[in-house]
Structures are given as structure tokens and as C-alpha cells.
């Protein structure tokens, strides 16, 4: 199936979408692979990257904080990260 065919074809039925979501919930590896594909698409478009980053910051606070904690730990010797010491 051509990529453009996939892009232009919505789910045929609500059941198709529910089966996909159930498969993602049931299979951790499938979920990780799907997420990696989606994030690869996101980082290929600078505007989309900013939009998704804003979405994560505003609506998915736990993911945002986990990322910031990791960055703070990795840069613990860098004094420029002292602004984020309250989240580690």
C-alpha cells in the first residue's frame, strides 16, 4: 500500500480504531515501535516538533518532568542547569 493511500484513508470503522488502540495497549513492543515512528515523523517537521513539545509540556506534565529530570541529571556538573534543581 502506498504511503499516500494510508495518509488519505481514515479508519473505515470505529472498531478499526479500537482494535489498533487495544493492540497498542496489549503489546508494549508494538506501542514503543509505533511511538518511535510517530516521533520520527514529528521531528522531521520543525513546526510540528514545537507543537508536540508544547502539547507535552501543557497536557502531559509527567512526561515533561521526566525529560527535564533526565536532562538535569545528565548535566548535573553544568551550572547552567541550576534553574531546574527543584525537579531533580
N, C-alpha and C. Protein backbone atom coordinates (compact mmCIF):
# COMPACT_ATOMS: atom_id res chain seq x y z
N UNK A 1 0.85 -1.18 0.00
CA UNK A 1 0.00 0.00 0.00
C UNK A 1 0.89 1.24 0.00
N UNK A 2 0.59 2.16 -0.85
CA UNK A 2 1.34 3.40 -0.96
C UNK A 2 1.14 4.28 0.28
N UNK A 3 2.16 5.03 0.65
CA UNK A 3 2.08 5.92 1.80
C UNK A 3 0.94 6.92 1.63
N UNK A 4 0.78 7.46 0.43
CA UNK A 4 -0.29 8.44 0.21
C UNK A 4 -1.66 7.81 0.39
N UNK A 5 -1.79 6.52 0.07
CA UNK A 5 -3.06 5.84 0.29
C UNK A 5 -3.37 5.75 1.78
N UNK A 6 -2.36 5.47 2.57
CA UNK A 6 -2.54 5.37 4.01
C UNK A 6 -2.88 6.75 4.58
N UNK A 7 -2.15 7.76 4.13
CA UNK A 7 -2.33 9.11 4.65
C UNK A 7 -3.74 9.63 4.38
N UNK A 8 -4.29 9.30 3.23
CA UNK A 8 -5.59 9.84 2.83
C UNK A 8 -6.76 8.96 3.22
N UNK A 9 -6.50 7.84 3.89
CA UNK A 9 -7.58 6.92 4.24
C UNK A 9 -7.83 6.90 5.73
N UNK A 10 -8.94 7.45 6.18
CA UNK A 10 -9.24 7.41 7.61
C UNK A 10 -9.64 5.99 8.01
N UNK A 11 -9.72 5.75 9.30
CA UNK A 11 -10.21 4.47 9.76
C UNK A 11 -11.58 4.22 9.15
N UNK A 12 -11.78 3.02 8.63
CA UNK A 12 -13.05 2.70 7.99
C UNK A 12 -14.19 2.61 9.01
N UNK A 13 -13.85 2.15 10.20
CA UNK A 13 -14.88 2.00 11.21
C UNK A 13 -14.29 2.27 12.58
N UNK A 14 -15.14 2.64 13.49
CA UNK A 14 -14.70 2.88 14.87
C UNK A 14 -14.03 1.64 15.45
N UNK A 15 -14.51 0.47 15.04
CA UNK A 15 -13.94 -0.79 15.53
C UNK A 15 -12.47 -0.94 15.12
N UNK A 16 -12.11 -0.44 13.92
CA UNK A 16 -10.72 -0.50 13.47
C UNK A 16 -9.83 0.29 14.41
N UNK A 17 -10.28 1.48 14.76
CA UNK A 17 -9.51 2.33 15.67
C UNK A 17 -9.40 1.68 17.04
N UNK A 18 -10.50 1.12 17.52
CA UNK A 18 -10.48 0.47 18.83
C UNK A 18 -9.55 -0.73 18.85
N UNK A 19 -9.52 -1.50 17.74
CA UNK A 19 -8.60 -2.65 17.66
C UNK A 19 -7.15 -2.20 17.68
N UNK A 20 -6.86 -1.12 16.97
CA UNK A 20 -5.50 -0.58 16.98
C UNK A 20 -5.10 -0.16 18.38
N UNK A 21 -5.95 0.61 19.04
CA UNK A 21 -5.63 1.08 20.39
C UNK A 21 -5.49 -0.08 21.36
N UNK A 22 -6.33 -1.10 21.22
CA UNK A 22 -6.24 -2.27 22.09
C UNK A 22 -4.93 -3.01 21.85
N UNK A 23 -4.52 -3.13 20.59
CA UNK A 23 -3.26 -3.78 20.26
C UNK A 23 -2.08 -3.01 20.87
N UNK A 24 -2.14 -1.69 20.82
CA UNK A 24 -1.08 -0.87 21.41
C UNK A 24 -1.03 -1.03 22.91
N UNK A 25 -2.20 -1.15 23.55
CA UNK A 25 -2.24 -1.36 25.00
C UNK A 25 -1.73 -2.74 25.38
N UNK A 26 -2.02 -3.73 24.54
CA UNK A 26 -1.69 -5.12 24.86
C UNK A 26 -0.23 -5.48 24.59
N UNK A 27 0.40 -4.79 23.66
CA UNK A 27 1.74 -5.15 23.21
C UNK A 27 2.69 -3.97 23.42
N UNK A 28 3.48 -4.04 24.48
CA UNK A 28 4.39 -2.93 24.81
C UNK A 28 5.38 -2.66 23.69
N UNK A 29 5.89 -3.71 23.06
CA UNK A 29 6.85 -3.53 21.97
C UNK A 29 6.20 -2.84 20.77
N UNK A 30 4.99 -3.24 20.43
CA UNK A 30 4.26 -2.58 19.35
C UNK A 30 4.05 -1.11 19.67
N UNK A 31 3.68 -0.82 20.92
CA UNK A 31 3.48 0.56 21.33
C UNK A 31 4.77 1.37 21.16
N UNK A 32 5.90 0.82 21.63
CA UNK A 32 7.18 1.53 21.52
C UNK A 32 7.55 1.78 20.07
N UNK A 33 7.35 0.76 19.21
CA UNK A 33 7.67 0.92 17.80
C UNK A 33 6.78 1.97 17.15
N UNK A 34 5.49 1.95 17.45
CA UNK A 34 4.56 2.93 16.88
C UNK A 34 4.92 4.34 17.35
N UNK A 35 5.24 4.47 18.63
CA UNK A 35 5.62 5.78 19.16
C UNK A 35 6.90 6.29 18.51
N UNK A 36 7.86 5.39 18.31
CA UNK A 36 9.11 5.80 17.66
C UNK A 36 8.86 6.29 16.23
N UNK A 37 7.99 5.60 15.51
CA UNK A 37 7.65 6.03 14.14
C UNK A 37 7.00 7.40 14.17
N UNK A 38 6.04 7.59 15.08
CA UNK A 38 5.36 8.89 15.16
C UNK A 38 6.32 10.00 15.54
N UNK A 39 7.21 9.74 16.51
CA UNK A 39 8.16 10.78 16.91
C UNK A 39 9.15 11.09 15.80
N UNK A 40 9.52 10.09 15.01
CA UNK A 40 10.39 10.33 13.85
C UNK A 40 9.71 11.26 12.86
N UNK A 41 8.42 11.06 12.65
CA UNK A 41 7.66 11.96 11.78
C UNK A 41 7.59 13.37 12.36
N UNK A 42 7.40 13.46 13.67
CA UNK A 42 7.29 14.76 14.34
C UNK A 42 8.58 15.55 14.20
N UNK A 43 9.73 14.93 14.43
CA UNK A 43 10.98 15.68 14.40
C UNK A 43 11.40 16.06 12.98
N UNK A 44 10.73 15.50 11.97
CA UNK A 44 11.07 15.87 10.60
C UNK A 44 10.42 17.19 10.18
N UNK A 45 9.52 17.71 11.00
CA UNK A 45 8.82 18.96 10.70
C UNK A 45 9.00 19.91 11.88
N UNK A 46 9.82 20.96 11.73
CA UNK A 46 10.09 21.85 12.86
C UNK A 46 8.84 22.43 13.52
N UNK A 47 7.84 22.81 12.75
CA UNK A 47 6.63 23.37 13.35
C UNK A 47 5.90 22.31 14.16
N UNK A 48 5.81 21.12 13.61
CA UNK A 48 5.16 20.02 14.32
C UNK A 48 5.93 19.67 15.59
N UNK A 49 7.26 19.73 15.52
CA UNK A 49 8.08 19.45 16.70
C UNK A 49 7.73 20.41 17.83
N UNK A 50 7.63 21.70 17.51
CA UNK A 50 7.29 22.71 18.52
C UNK A 50 5.87 22.47 19.05
N UNK A 51 4.95 22.17 18.15
CA UNK A 51 3.56 21.93 18.57
C UNK A 51 3.47 20.74 19.53
N UNK A 52 4.17 19.66 19.21
CA UNK A 52 4.14 18.46 20.06
C UNK A 52 4.85 18.74 21.38
N UNK A 53 5.95 19.47 21.35
CA UNK A 53 6.65 19.83 22.59
C UNK A 53 5.73 20.67 23.48
N UNK A 54 5.02 21.61 22.91
CA UNK A 54 4.06 22.42 23.68
C UNK A 54 2.96 21.54 24.26
N UNK A 55 2.48 20.59 23.48
CA UNK A 55 1.44 19.68 23.94
C UNK A 55 1.94 18.84 25.12
N UNK A 56 3.15 18.32 25.01
CA UNK A 56 3.72 17.52 26.10
C UNK A 56 3.87 18.38 27.35
N UNK A 57 4.39 19.59 27.18
CA UNK A 57 4.59 20.46 28.34
C UNK A 57 3.28 20.81 29.03
N UNK A 58 2.24 21.09 28.25
CA UNK A 58 1.00 21.55 28.85
C UNK A 58 0.07 20.42 29.30
N UNK A 59 -0.04 19.37 28.51
CA UNK A 59 -1.04 18.34 28.79
C UNK A 59 -0.47 17.04 29.38
N UNK A 60 0.82 16.83 29.23
CA UNK A 60 1.43 15.59 29.70
C UNK A 60 2.60 15.95 30.62
N UNK A 61 2.26 16.59 31.72
CA UNK A 61 3.25 17.14 32.64
C UNK A 61 4.23 16.10 33.16
N UNK A 62 3.76 14.88 33.45
CA UNK A 62 4.66 13.85 33.98
C UNK A 62 5.75 13.47 32.98
N UNK A 63 5.40 13.42 31.69
CA UNK A 63 6.41 13.14 30.67
C UNK A 63 7.40 14.29 30.60
N UNK A 64 6.89 15.50 30.60
CA UNK A 64 7.74 16.69 30.56
C UNK A 64 8.72 16.71 31.73
N UNK A 65 8.21 16.46 32.93
CA UNK A 65 9.08 16.47 34.11
C UNK A 65 10.10 15.34 34.07
N UNK A 66 9.72 14.18 33.58
CA UNK A 66 10.67 13.06 33.47
C UNK A 66 11.80 13.43 32.52
N UNK A 67 11.48 14.09 31.41
CA UNK A 67 12.51 14.51 30.45
C UNK A 67 13.42 15.55 31.10
N UNK A 68 12.83 16.53 31.79
CA UNK A 68 13.64 17.57 32.42
C UNK A 68 14.52 17.01 33.52
N UNK A 69 14.02 16.05 34.29
CA UNK A 69 14.84 15.42 35.33
C UNK A 69 16.04 14.70 34.71
N UNK A 70 15.80 14.00 33.61
CA UNK A 70 16.89 13.29 32.95
C UNK A 70 17.94 14.28 32.44
N UNK A 71 17.50 15.36 31.84
CA UNK A 71 18.43 16.38 31.35
C UNK A 71 19.22 16.97 32.51
N UNK A 72 18.54 17.26 33.61
CA UNK A 72 19.22 17.84 34.78
C UNK A 72 20.26 16.88 35.33
N UNK A 73 19.92 15.58 35.40
CA UNK A 73 20.90 14.59 35.89
C UNK A 73 22.09 14.51 34.97
N UNK A 74 21.84 14.48 33.66
CA UNK A 74 22.93 14.37 32.69
C UNK A 74 23.83 15.60 32.72
N UNK A 75 23.27 16.73 33.08
CA UNK A 75 24.04 17.97 33.11
C UNK A 75 24.31 18.44 34.53
N UNK A 76 24.33 17.51 35.48
CA UNK A 76 24.47 17.90 36.89
C UNK A 76 25.76 18.66 37.16
N UNK A 77 26.77 18.46 36.35
CA UNK A 77 28.03 19.20 36.52
C UNK A 77 27.99 20.57 35.84
N UNK A 78 26.96 20.78 35.03
CA UNK A 78 26.82 22.04 34.30
C UNK A 78 26.00 23.01 35.13
N UNK A 79 26.57 24.10 35.55
CA UNK A 79 25.89 25.08 36.41
C UNK A 79 24.74 25.79 35.71
N UNK A 80 24.68 25.72 34.38
CA UNK A 80 23.61 26.41 33.66
C UNK A 80 22.26 25.73 33.91
N UNK A 81 22.26 24.50 34.44
CA UNK A 81 21.01 23.82 34.72
C UNK A 81 20.52 24.05 36.15
N UNK A 82 21.16 24.94 36.89
CA UNK A 82 20.76 25.17 38.28
C UNK A 82 19.33 25.68 38.38
N UNK A 83 18.80 26.21 37.31
CA UNK A 83 17.41 26.68 37.33
C UNK A 83 16.43 25.54 37.53
N UNK A 84 16.85 24.34 37.24
CA UNK A 84 15.93 23.19 37.27
C UNK A 84 16.20 22.28 38.47
N UNK A 85 16.94 22.73 39.45
CA UNK A 85 17.32 21.87 40.56
C UNK A 85 16.12 21.42 41.39
N UNK A 86 15.03 22.17 41.34
CA UNK A 86 13.86 21.79 42.13
C UNK A 86 13.12 20.60 41.58
N UNK A 87 13.42 20.15 40.36
CA UNK A 87 12.71 18.99 39.79
C UNK A 87 13.53 17.71 39.86
N UNK A 88 14.72 17.75 40.36
CA UNK A 88 15.52 16.52 40.43
C UNK A 88 15.29 15.77 41.72
